Amino acid sequence: MYLGMDIGGTASRWVLVDAEGRTVDRGIAEGASGLIYDARSLARFRGAIETVRDALPGAVAFAEFGITGAGFSRHPRIEEQVSDILGLPLERFSYSSDMGLAWRAAFHGRRGHLVSAGTGSVGMTYDDSGERVVVGGRGILVDDAGSGVWIALRAIRHLFRLKDEGNGTRDAEILASTVFTALGGSTHDAMRDYVYGGDRGRIGRLAVAVAEAAREGDPTAQGLLREAGQELAHLGRIMLTRCGEAPVAFVGGVLALDPSIREQITSDLAGHEVEFPRIDAALHAALIAKEKDEALHDSH
């Protein structure tokens, strides 16, 4: 059997296929990241893969991973953890950035520019010489504009600035209600515990509270979602300018928050071919694992 896993900041999805490429099983594990620089992030990474290992009905011949935060070069620490948890030698699994996996799943070999907007945001394409071009995606402390974390932090910042001014949360009462409920309170302590005591995936989930407020008519929340669409469209426009005309595909959980985000993207990129494909990156990874295993057999 062949395992494919798409590890994202909010959730990690996995698919198992058989020798004919038919889906045997699939599931969702906790979100994680390849940025395993401290004990907490390492524990989340290991936990996500251990959840999958414990759910597998049998041995895996080859595994393919798309990992947020993994970048585009080798990561010995990632390799050590995967090999230790799944018991696979290095030649029996491979991995890439989740963006690389998503690009392949979205375009299937044709030319195109991809923007992914989930917990973080990033754009990826290839220029005329075949060189990879990555825009944005520098993490929540630097950029990731238009992402779930970006939406959440801008909402929190706005609400606490209103409170600091001493006039309550005027003109953003609905947003205050949904966000402070999700935070567990409207105090500095509640905010610090949630934001600094968690991880990027948990922060990103606050974007759901912003979208809820937008649906209930909160103008501040609606404006934040439109701005998110503008930022994501900007990533697409950069790639069009640098690498030429091609379809621009947008994927990721942020797009499902509210229709206004897609509408803003489409409006900002009027005159260009814009797509919103539904991709199954984990299944695509499992099929890649199958192909790589077959190539190994053919080479022997």
C-alpha atoms as a PDB file:
ATOM      1  CA  MET A   1       0.000   0.000   0.000  1.00  0.00           C
ATOM      2  CA  TYR A   2       1.023   3.587  -0.599  1.00  0.00           C
ATOM      3  CA  LEU A   3       0.630   6.502   1.789  1.00  0.00           C
ATOM      4  CA  GLY A   4       0.131  10.139   0.855  1.00  0.00           C
ATOM      5  CA  MET A   5       0.033  12.867   3.500  1.00  0.00           C
ATOM      6  CA  ASP A   6      -0.628  16.598   3.192  1.00  0.00           C
ATOM      7  CA  ILE A   7       0.579  18.219   6.416  1.00  0.00           C
ATOM      8  CA  GLY A   8      -0.866  21.686   6.994  1.00  0.00           C
ATOM      9  CA  GLY A   9      -0.882  24.077   9.904  1.00  0.00           C
ATOM     10  CA  THR A  10      -4.560  23.547  10.724  1.00  0.00           C
ATOM     11  CA  ALA A  11      -4.980  19.883   9.752  1.00  0.00           C
ATOM     12  CA  SER A  12      -3.023  17.005   8.226  1.00  0.00           C
ATOM     13  CA  ARG A  13      -4.837  14.825   5.705  1.00  0.00           C
ATOM     14  CA  TRP A  14      -3.771  11.355   4.619  1.00  0.00           C
ATOM     15  CA  VAL A  15      -4.810   8.811   2.013  1.00  0.00           C
ATOM     16  CA  LEU A  16      -3.817   5.185   1.506  1.00  0.00           C
ATOM     17  CA  VAL A  17      -4.083   3.576  -1.942  1.00  0.00           C
ATOM     18  CA  ASP A  18      -3.498   0.037  -3.163  1.00  0.00           C
ATOM     19  CA  ALA A  19      -1.413  -1.267  -6.059  1.00  0.00           C
ATOM     20  CA  GLU A  20      -4.156  -0.269  -8.521  1.00  0.00           C
ATOM     21  CA  GLY A  21      -4.363   3.260  -7.159  1.00  0.00           C
ATOM     22  CA  ARG A  22      -7.703   2.696  -5.459  1.00  0.00           C
ATOM     23  CA  THR A  23      -8.333   4.467  -2.159  1.00  0.00           C
ATOM     24  CA  VAL A  24      -8.128   2.033   0.741  1.00  0.00           C
ATOM     25  CA  ASP A  25      -8.478   4.471   3.634  1.00  0.00           C
ATOM     26  CA  ARG A  26      -8.206   8.155   4.466  1.00  0.00           C
ATOM     27  CA  GLY A  27      -8.330  10.397   7.503  1.00  0.00           C
ATOM     28  CA  ILE A  28      -7.404  13.645   9.198  1.00  0.00           C
ATOM     29  CA  ALA A  29      -4.782  14.202  11.885  1.00  0.00           C
ATOM     30  CA  GLU A  30      -3.739  17.246  13.868  1.00  0.00           C
ATOM     31  CA  GLY A  31      -2.106  20.094  12.001  1.00  0.00           C
ATOM     32  CA  ALA A  32       1.660  20.433  12.103  1.00  0.00           C
ATOM     33  CA  SER A  33       4.608  22.026  10.330  1.00  0.00           C
ATOM     34  CA  GLY A  34       8.051  21.136   9.083  1.00  0.00           C
ATOM     35  CA  LEU A  35       9.374  24.039  11.169  1.00  0.00           C
ATOM     36  CA  ILE A  36      10.388  21.673  13.974  1.00  0.00           C
ATOM     37  CA  TYR A  37      12.708  24.048  15.790  1.00  0.00           C
ATOM     38  CA  ASP A  38      11.398  23.562  19.334  1.00  0.00           C
ATOM     39  CA  ALA A  39       9.889  20.840  21.510  1.00  0.00           C
ATOM     40  CA  ARG A  40       6.285  21.896  20.919  1.00  0.00           C
ATOM     41  CA  SER A  41       6.513  21.970  17.120  1.00  0.00           C
ATOM     42  CA  LEU A  42       8.423  18.684  17.120  1.00  0.00           C
ATOM     43  CA  ALA A  43       5.746  17.060  19.283  1.00  0.00           C
ATOM     44  CA  ARG A  44       2.990  18.243  16.934  1.00  0.00           C
ATOM     45  CA  PHE A  45       4.868  16.956  13.900  1.00  0.00           C
ATOM     46  CA  ARG A  46       5.472  13.579  15.498  1.00  0.00           C
ATOM     47  CA  GLY A  47       1.899  13.445  16.788  1.00  0.00           C
ATOM     48  CA  ALA A  48       0.395  13.968  13.342  1.00  0.00           C
ATOM     49  CA  ILE A  49       2.445  11.160  11.788  1.00  0.00           C
ATOM     50  CA  GLU A  50       1.935   8.852  14.786  1.00  0.00           C
ATOM     51  CA  THR A  51      -1.842   9.292  14.409  1.00  0.00           C
ATOM     52  CA  VAL A  52      -1.591   8.091  10.824  1.00  0.00           C
ATOM     53  CA  ARG A  53       0.756   5.226  11.725  1.00  0.00           C
ATOM     54  CA  ASP A  54      -1.688   3.989  14.362  1.00  0.00           C
ATOM     55  CA  ALA A  55      -4.571   4.081  11.869  1.00  0.00           C
ATOM     56  CA  LEU A  56      -2.829   2.189   9.069  1.00  0.00           C
ATOM     57  CA  PRO A  57      -4.333  -1.253   8.384  1.00  0.00           C
ATOM     58  CA  GLY A  58      -1.042  -2.695   7.134  1.00  0.00           C
ATOM     59  CA  ALA A  59       2.495  -2.064   5.963  1.00  0.00           C
ATOM     60  CA  VAL A  60       3.346   0.832   3.641  1.00  0.00           C
ATOM     61  CA  ALA A  61       5.629   0.242   0.668  1.00  0.00           C
ATOM     62  CA  PHE A  62       6.289   3.921  -0.054  1.00  0.00           C
ATOM     63  CA  ALA A  63       5.108   7.241   1.387  1.00  0.00           C
ATOM     64  CA  GLU A  64       4.973  10.751  -0.056  1.00  0.00           C
ATOM     65  CA  PHE A  65       4.553  13.880   2.064  1.00  0.00           C
ATOM     66  CA  GLY A  66       3.680  17.482   1.328  1.00  0.00           C
ATOM     67  CA  ILE A  67       4.720  19.474   4.395  1.00  0.00           C
ATOM     68  CA  THR A  68       4.008  23.112   5.150  1.00  0.00           C
ATOM     69  CA  GLY A  69       7.153  24.884   6.251  1.00  0.00           C
ATOM     70  CA  ALA A  70       9.408  22.267   4.703  1.00  0.00           C
ATOM     71  CA  GLY A  71      10.761  24.583   2.040  1.00  0.00           C
ATOM     72  CA  PHE A  72      12.325  23.159  -1.097  1.00  0.00           C
ATOM     73  CA  SER A  73      15.543  21.565   0.145  1.00  0.00           C
ATOM     74  CA  ARG A  74      16.485  18.554   2.269  1.00  0.00           C
ATOM     75  CA  HIS A  75      15.597  18.564   5.956  1.00  0.00           C
ATOM     76  CA  PRO A  76      17.490  15.885   7.899  1.00  0.00           C
ATOM     77  CA  ARG A  77      15.368  16.370  11.023  1.00  0.00           C
ATOM     78  CA  ILE A  78      12.190  15.716   9.058  1.00  0.00           C
ATOM     79  CA  GLU A  79      13.751  12.616   7.533  1.00  0.00           C
ATOM     80  CA  GLU A  80      14.803  11.334  10.954  1.00  0.00           C
ATOM     81  CA  GLN A  81      11.317  11.722  12.402  1.00  0.00           C
ATOM     82  CA  VAL A  82       9.482  10.114   9.483  1.00  0.00           C
ATOM     83  CA  SER A  83      11.879   7.180   9.373  1.00  0.00           C
ATOM     84  CA  ASP A  84      11.678   6.670  13.132  1.00  0.00           C
ATOM     85  CA  ILE A  85       7.874   6.797  13.343  1.00  0.00           C
ATOM     86  CA  LEU A  86       6.959   4.827  10.218  1.00  0.00           C
ATOM     87  CA  GLY A  87       9.993   2.540  10.199  1.00  0.00           C
ATOM     88  CA  LEU A  88      10.715   3.367   6.561  1.00  0.00           C
ATOM     89  CA  PRO A  89      14.247   3.752   5.176  1.00  0.00           C
ATOM     90  CA  LEU A  90      15.004   7.009   3.381  1.00  0.00           C
ATOM     91  CA  GLU A  91      14.671   5.398  -0.047  1.00  0.00           C
ATOM     92  CA  ARG A  92      11.084   4.398   0.803  1.00  0.00           C
ATOM     93  CA  PHE A  93       9.650   7.866   1.351  1.00  0.00           C
ATOM     94  CA  SER A  94      10.014  11.351  -0.076  1.00  0.00           C
ATOM     95  CA  TYR A  95       8.674  14.788   0.724  1.00  0.00           C
ATOM     96  CA  SER A  96       8.367  18.318  -0.554  1.00  0.00           C
ATOM     97  CA  SER A  97       6.818  21.607   0.440  1.00  0.00           C
ATOM     98  CA  ASP A  98       3.043  21.371   0.581  1.00  0.00           C
ATOM     99  CA  MET A  99       3.061  24.030  -2.131  1.00  0.00           C
ATOM    100  CA  GLY A 100       5.017  21.809  -4.499  1.00  0.00           C
ATOM    101  CA  LEU A 101       2.493  19.038  -3.929  1.00  0.00           C
ATOM    102  CA  ALA A 102      -0.484  21.382  -4.352  1.00  0.00           C
ATOM    103  CA  TRP A 103       0.941  22.818  -7.591  1.00  0.00           C
ATOM    104  CA  ARG A 104       1.237  19.351  -9.112  1.00  0.00           C
ATOM    105  CA  ALA A 105      -2.264  18.433  -7.956  1.00  0.00           C
ATOM    106  CA  ALA A 106      -3.737  21.637  -9.389  1.00  0.00           C
ATOM    107  CA  PHE A 107      -2.100  21.675 -12.818  1.00  0.00           C
ATOM    108  CA  HIS A 108      -1.140  18.072 -13.635  1.00  0.00           C
ATOM    109  CA  GLY A 109       1.830  19.142 -15.742  1.00  0.00           C
ATOM    110  CA  ARG A 110       0.306  22.132 -17.522  1.00  0.00           C
ATOM    111  CA  ARG A 111       1.576  25.656 -16.984  1.00  0.00           C
ATOM    112  CA  GLY A 112       0.047  27.770 -14.252  1.00  0.00           C
ATOM    113  CA  HIS A 113       0.491  29.972 -11.209  1.00  0.00           C
ATOM    114  CA  LEU A 114      -0.731  28.770  -7.789  1.00  0.00           C
ATOM    115  CA  VAL A 115      -1.737  30.735  -4.697  1.00  0.00           C
ATOM    116  CA  SER A 116      -2.409  28.764  -1.539  1.00  0.00           C
ATOM    117  CA  ALA A 117      -4.242  30.437   1.347  1.00  0.00           C
ATOM    118  CA  GLY A 118      -4.777  28.450   4.508  1.00  0.00           C
ATOM    119  CA  THR A 119      -3.153  29.024   7.872  1.00  0.00           C
ATOM    120  CA  GLY A 120      -0.456  30.901   5.891  1.00  0.00           C
ATOM    121  CA  SER A 121      -0.304  32.136   2.309  1.00  0.00           C
ATOM    122  CA  VAL A 122       2.179  31.695  -0.524  1.00  0.00           C
ATOM    123  CA  GLY A 123       2.362  31.751  -4.304  1.00  0.00           C
ATOM    124  CA  MET A 124       4.398  29.402  -6.493  1.00  0.00           C
ATOM    125  CA  THR A 125       5.007  29.071 -10.205  1.00  0.00           C
ATOM    126  CA  TYR A 126       7.734  28.340 -12.754  1.00  0.00           C
ATOM    127  CA  ASP A 127       9.346  30.807 -15.132  1.00  0.00           C
ATOM    128  CA  ASP A 128      10.073  30.223 -18.829  1.00  0.00           C
ATOM    129  CA  SER A 129      13.347  28.461 -18.025  1.00  0.00           C
ATOM    130  CA  GLY A 130      11.649  26.064 -15.630  1.00  0.00           C
ATOM    131  CA  GLU A 131      13.006  27.698 -12.493  1.00  0.00           C
ATOM    132  CA  ARG A 132      10.716  27.693  -9.472  1.00  0.00           C
ATOM    133  CA  VAL A 133       9.462  31.122  -8.354  1.00  0.00           C
ATOM    134  CA  VAL A 134       8.018  31.541  -4.856  1.00  0.00           C
ATOM    135  CA  VAL A 135       6.313  34.744  -3.686  1.00  0.00           C
ATOM    136  CA  GLY A 136       5.167  35.512  -0.168  1.00  0.00           C
ATOM    137  CA  GLY A 137       5.071  32.641   2.289  1.00  0.00           C
ATOM    138  CA  ARG A 138       7.536  34.130   4.768  1.00  0.00           C
ATOM    139  CA  GLY A 139       5.623  33.086   7.858  1.00  0.00           C
ATOM    140  CA  ILE A 140       3.113  34.763  10.124  1.00  0.00           C
ATOM    141  CA  LEU A 141       5.667  37.042  11.812  1.00  0.00           C
ATOM    142  CA  VAL A 142       6.744  38.570   8.502  1.00  0.00           C
ATOM    143  CA  ASP A 143       3.952  38.365   5.934  1.00  0.00           C
ATOM    144  CA  ASP A 144       1.494  35.606   4.918  1.00  0.00           C
ATOM    145  CA  ALA A 145      -0.935  38.343   3.850  1.00  0.00           C
ATOM    146  CA  GLY A 146      -4.465  37.166   3.127  1.00  0.00           C
ATOM    147  CA  SER A 147      -4.060  33.981   5.167  1.00  0.00           C
ATOM    148  CA  GLY A 148      -6.182  32.726   8.035  1.00  0.00           C
ATOM    149  CA  VAL A 149      -3.616  33.935  10.578  1.00  0.00           C
ATOM    150  CA  TRP A 150      -3.397  37.328   8.854  1.00  0.00           C
ATOM    151  CA  ILE A 151      -7.178  37.754   9.020  1.00  0.00           C
ATOM    152  CA  ALA A 152      -7.289  36.672  12.658  1.00  0.00           C
ATOM    153  CA  LEU A 153      -4.449  38.890  13.867  1.00  0.00           C
ATOM    154  CA  ARG A 154      -5.774  41.951  12.050  1.00  0.00           C
ATOM    155  CA  ALA A 155      -9.170  41.415  13.681  1.00  0.00           C
ATOM    156  CA  ILE A 156      -7.618  41.040  17.140  1.00  0.00           C
ATOM    157  CA  ARG A 157      -5.421  44.089  16.624  1.00  0.00           C
ATOM    158  CA  HIS A 158      -8.392  46.196  15.531  1.00  0.00           C
ATOM    159  CA  LEU A 159     -10.577  45.159  18.462  1.00  0.00           C
ATOM    160  CA  PHE A 160      -7.948  45.777  21.129  1.00  0.00           C
ATOM    161  CA  ARG A 161      -7.084  49.160  19.661  1.00  0.00           C
ATOM    162  CA  LEU A 162     -10.739  50.114  19.937  1.00  0.00           C
ATOM    163  CA  LYS A 163     -10.722  48.988  23.569  1.00  0.00           C
ATOM    164  CA  ASP A 164      -7.538  50.969  24.221  1.00  0.00           C
ATOM    165  CA  GLU A 165      -9.251  54.114  22.954  1.00  0.00           C
ATOM    166  CA  GLY A 166     -11.797  53.708  25.739  1.00  0.00           C
ATOM    167  CA  ASN A 167     -14.978  53.653  23.684  1.00  0.00           C
ATOM    168  CA  GLY A 168     -15.606  49.932  23.650  1.00  0.00           C
ATOM    169  CA  THR A 169     -15.884  48.110  20.336  1.00  0.00           C
ATOM    170  CA  ARG A 170     -18.110  50.589  18.512  1.00  0.00           C
ATOM    171  CA  ASP A 171     -18.957  49.715  14.898  1.00  0.00           C
ATOM    172  CA  ALA A 172     -17.484  46.241  15.433  1.00  0.00           C
ATOM    173  CA  GLU A 173     -19.788  44.786  18.075  1.00  0.00           C
ATOM    174  CA  ILE A 174     -20.582  41.630  16.107  1.00  0.00           C
ATOM    175  CA  LEU A 175     -16.909  40.998  15.359  1.00  0.00           C
ATOM    176  CA  ALA A 176     -16.071  41.560  19.019  1.00  0.00           C
ATOM    177  CA  SER A 177     -18.693  39.027  20.065  1.00  0.00           C
ATOM    178  CA  THR A 178     -17.528  36.245  17.739  1.00  0.00           C
ATOM    179  CA  VAL A 179     -13.793  36.801  18.195  1.00  0.00           C
ATOM    180  CA  PHE A 180     -13.822  37.284  21.966  1.00  0.00           C
ATOM    181  CA  THR A 181     -16.002  34.189  22.334  1.00  0.00           C
ATOM    182  CA  ALA A 182     -13.449  32.199  20.336  1.00  0.00           C
ATOM    183  CA  LEU A 183     -10.589  33.688  22.370  1.00  0.00           C
ATOM    184  CA  GLY A 184     -12.258  32.772  25.638  1.00  0.00           C
ATOM    185  CA  GLY A 185     -12.617  36.374  26.776  1.00  0.00           C
ATOM    186  CA  SER A 186     -11.901  40.002  25.962  1.00  0.00           C
ATOM    187  CA  THR A 187      -9.040  40.549  28.388  1.00  0.00           C
ATOM    188  CA  HIS A 188      -5.360  40.874  27.612  1.00  0.00           C
ATOM    189  CA  ASP A 189      -4.774  37.632  29.496  1.00  0.00           C
ATOM    190  CA  ALA A 190      -7.317  35.732  27.381  1.00  0.00           C
ATOM    191  CA  MET A 191      -5.745  37.078  24.202  1.00  0.00           C
ATOM    192  CA  ARG A 192      -2.192  36.271  25.296  1.00  0.00           C
ATOM    193  CA  ASP A 193      -3.118  32.767  26.412  1.00  0.00           C
ATOM    194  CA  TYR A 194      -4.766  32.026  23.080  1.00  0.00           C
ATOM    195  CA  VAL A 195      -2.277  33.662  20.728  1.00  0.00           C
ATOM    196  CA  TYR A 196       1.029  33.103  22.495  1.00  0.00           C
ATOM    197  CA  GLY A 197       0.091  29.908  24.276  1.00  0.00           C
ATOM    198  CA  GLY A 198      -0.955  28.072  21.113  1.00  0.00           C
ATOM    199  CA  ASP A 199       0.385  27.711  17.600  1.00  0.00           C
ATOM    200  CA  ARG A 200      -0.157  29.147  14.150  1.00  0.00           C
ATOM    201  CA  GLY A 201      -2.890  26.622  13.359  1.00  0.00           C
ATOM    202  CA  ARG A 202      -4.981  27.660  16.331  1.00  0.00           C
ATOM    203  CA  ILE A 203      -4.543  31.351  15.519  1.00  0.00           C
ATOM    204  CA  GLY A 204      -5.601  30.674  11.943  1.00  0.00           C
ATOM    205  CA  ARG A 205      -8.838  29.063  13.096  1.00  0.00           C
ATOM    206  CA  LEU A 206      -9.924  32.439  14.506  1.00  0.00           C
ATOM    207  CA  ALA A 207     -10.549  33.500  10.910  1.00  0.00           C
ATOM    208  CA  VAL A 208     -13.724  31.401  11.119  1.00  0.00           C
ATOM    209  CA  ALA A 209     -14.996  33.766  13.837  1.00  0.00           C
ATOM    210  CA  VAL A 210     -14.242  36.743  11.575  1.00  0.00           C
ATOM    211  CA  ALA A 211     -16.178  35.118   8.728  1.00  0.00           C
ATOM    212  CA  GLU A 212     -19.093  34.433  11.065  1.00  0.00           C
ATOM    213  CA  ALA A 213     -19.202  38.129  11.979  1.00  0.00           C
ATOM    214  CA  ALA A 214     -19.063  39.081   8.300  1.00  0.00           C
ATOM    215  CA  ARG A 215     -22.068  36.869   7.525  1.00  0.00           C
ATOM    216  CA  GLU A 216     -23.953  38.589  10.354  1.00  0.00           C
ATOM    217  CA  GLY A 217     -23.308  41.961   8.744  1.00  0.00           C
ATOM    218  CA  ASP A 218     -20.325  43.332  10.649  1.00  0.00           C
ATOM    219  CA  PRO A 219     -18.710  45.931   8.337  1.00  0.00           C
ATOM    220  CA  THR A 220     -15.236  45.614   9.846  1.00  0.00           C
ATOM    221  CA  ALA A 221     -15.221  41.850   9.355  1.00  0.00           C
ATOM    222  CA  GLN A 222     -16.518  42.220   5.810  1.00  0.00           C
ATOM    223  CA  GLY A 223     -13.746  44.699   5.070  1.00  0.00           C
ATOM    224  CA  LEU A 224     -11.087  42.349   6.438  1.00  0.00           C
ATOM    225  CA  LEU A 225     -12.242  39.537   4.164  1.00  0.00           C
ATOM    226  CA  ARG A 226     -12.219  41.807   1.123  1.00  0.00           C
ATOM    227  CA  GLU A 227      -8.687  42.910   2.036  1.00  0.00           C
ATOM    228  CA  ALA A 228      -7.662  39.259   2.295  1.00  0.00           C
ATOM    229  CA  GLY A 229      -8.946  38.711  -1.241  1.00  0.00           C
ATOM    230  CA  GLN A 230      -6.976  41.738  -2.430  1.00  0.00           C
ATOM    231  CA  GLU A 231      -3.765  40.437  -0.858  1.00  0.00           C
ATOM    232  CA  LEU A 232      -4.183  36.993  -2.422  1.00  0.00           C
ATOM    233  CA  ALA A 233      -4.918  38.524  -5.812  1.00  0.00           C
ATOM    234  CA  HIS A 234      -1.737  40.572  -5.396  1.00  0.00           C
ATOM    235  CA  LEU A 235       0.306  37.359  -5.128  1.00  0.00           C
ATOM    236  CA  GLY A 236      -1.270  36.163  -8.356  1.00  0.00           C
ATOM    237  CA  ARG A 237      -0.576  39.456 -10.089  1.00  0.00           C
ATOM    238  CA  ILE A 238       3.089  39.336  -9.084  1.00  0.00           C
ATOM    239  CA  MET A 239       3.498  35.932 -10.719  1.00  0.00           C
ATOM    240  CA  LEU A 240       1.686  37.075 -13.862  1.00  0.00           C
ATOM    241  CA  THR A 241       4.024  40.061 -14.111  1.00  0.00           C
ATOM    242  CA  ARG A 242       7.193  38.098 -13.455  1.00  0.00           C
ATOM    243  CA  CYS A 243       6.457  34.882 -15.329  1.00  0.00           C
ATOM    244  CA  GLY A 244       3.861  35.681 -17.961  1.00  0.00           C
ATOM    245  CA  GLU A 245       0.246  34.922 -18.701  1.00  0.00           C
ATOM    246  CA  ALA A 246      -1.096  31.583 -17.447  1.00  0.00           C
ATOM    247  CA  PRO A 247      -4.071  30.400 -15.389  1.00  0.00           C
ATOM    248  CA  VAL A 248      -3.904  31.525 -11.753  1.00  0.00           C
ATOM    249  CA  ALA A 249      -5.322  28.900  -9.410  1.00  0.00           C
ATOM    250  CA  PHE A 250      -6.312  29.643  -5.824  1.00  0.00           C
ATOM    251  CA  VAL A 251      -6.615  26.864  -3.239  1.00  0.00           C
ATOM    252  CA  GLY A 252      -6.859  26.614   0.538  1.00  0.00           C
ATOM    253  CA  GLY A 253      -9.256  26.859   3.433  1.00  0.00           C
ATOM    254  CA  VAL A 254      -9.430  30.664   3.443  1.00  0.00           C
ATOM    255  CA  LEU A 255     -11.388  30.568   0.180  1.00  0.00           C
ATOM    256  CA  ALA A 256     -14.187  28.696   1.928  1.00  0.00           C
ATOM    257  CA  LEU A 257     -14.612  31.320   4.654  1.00  0.00           C
ATOM    258  CA  ASP A 258     -16.878  33.596   2.646  1.00  0.00           C
ATOM    259  CA  PRO A 259     -17.815  34.100  -1.047  1.00  0.00           C
ATOM    260  CA  SER A 260     -16.598  37.708  -0.884  1.00  0.00           C
ATOM    261  CA  ILE A 261     -12.963  36.536  -0.875  1.00  0.00           C
ATOM    262  CA  ARG A 262     -13.323  34.750  -4.211  1.00  0.00           C
ATOM    263  CA  GLU A 263     -15.353  37.640  -5.605  1.00  0.00           C
ATOM    264  CA  GLN A 264     -12.609  40.104  -4.665  1.00  0.00           C
ATOM    265  CA  ILE A 265      -9.919  37.923  -6.237  1.00  0.00           C
ATOM    266  CA  THR A 266     -11.897  37.563  -9.459  1.00  0.00           C
ATOM    267  CA  SER A 267     -12.563  41.297  -9.582  1.00  0.00           C
ATOM    268  CA  ASP A 268      -8.940  42.253  -8.945  1.00  0.00           C
ATOM    269  CA  LEU A 269      -7.703  39.840 -11.626  1.00  0.00           C
ATOM    270  CA  ALA A 270     -10.328  40.690 -14.235  1.00  0.00           C
ATOM    271  CA  GLY A 271      -8.997  39.912 -17.709  1.00  0.00           C
ATOM    272  CA  HIS A 272      -6.890  36.985 -16.488  1.00  0.00           C
ATOM    273  CA  GLU A 273      -7.823  33.309 -16.271  1.00  0.00           C
ATOM    274  CA  VAL A 274      -8.640  32.554 -12.621  1.00  0.00           C
ATOM    275  CA  GLU A 275      -9.408  29.080 -11.279  1.00  0.00           C
ATOM    276  CA  PHE A 276     -10.574  27.743  -7.937  1.00  0.00           C
ATOM    277  CA  PRO A 277      -9.863  24.011  -8.289  1.00  0.00           C
ATOM    278  CA  ARG A 278     -10.843  21.456  -5.689  1.00  0.00           C
ATOM    279  CA  ILE A 279      -7.707  19.407  -5.184  1.00  0.00           C
ATOM    280  CA  ASP A 280      -7.087  16.313  -3.103  1.00  0.00           C
ATOM    281  CA  ALA A 281      -3.419  16.810  -2.296  1.00  0.00           C
ATOM    282  CA  ALA A 282      -3.208  13.777  -0.001  1.00  0.00           C
ATOM    283  CA  LEU A 283      -4.594  11.477  -2.698  1.00  0.00           C
ATOM    284  CA  HIS A 284      -2.236  12.989  -5.237  1.00  0.00           C
ATOM    285  CA  ALA A 285       0.652  12.325  -2.842  1.00  0.00           C
ATOM    286  CA  ALA A 286      -0.406   8.690  -2.448  1.00  0.00           C
ATOM    287  CA  LEU A 287      -0.455   8.239  -6.228  1.00  0.00           C
ATOM    288  CA  ILE A 288       3.001   9.831  -6.448  1.00  0.00           C
ATOM    289  CA  ALA A 289       4.195   7.324  -3.836  1.00  0.00           C
ATOM    290  CA  LYS A 290       2.839   4.503  -6.000  1.00  0.00           C
ATOM    291  CA  GLU A 291       4.616   5.862  -9.088  1.00  0.00           C
ATOM    292  CA  LYS A 292       7.908   6.246  -7.246  1.00  0.00           C
ATOM    293  CA  ASP A 293       7.728   2.699  -5.899  1.00  0.00           C
ATOM    294  CA  GLU A 294       7.070   1.377  -9.392  1.00  0.00           C
ATOM    295  CA  ALA A 295      10.054   3.368 -10.693  1.00  0.00           C
ATOM    296  CA  LEU A 296      12.233   1.811  -8.014  1.00  0.00           C
ATOM    297  CA  HIS A 297      11.194  -1.682  -9.125  1.00  0.00           C
ATOM    298  CA  ASP A 298      11.815  -0.823 -12.776  1.00  0.00           C
ATOM    299  CA  SER A 299      15.313   0.396 -11.990  1.00  0.00           C
ATOM    300  CA  HIS A 300      16.313  -2.905 -10.348  1.00  0.00           C
END
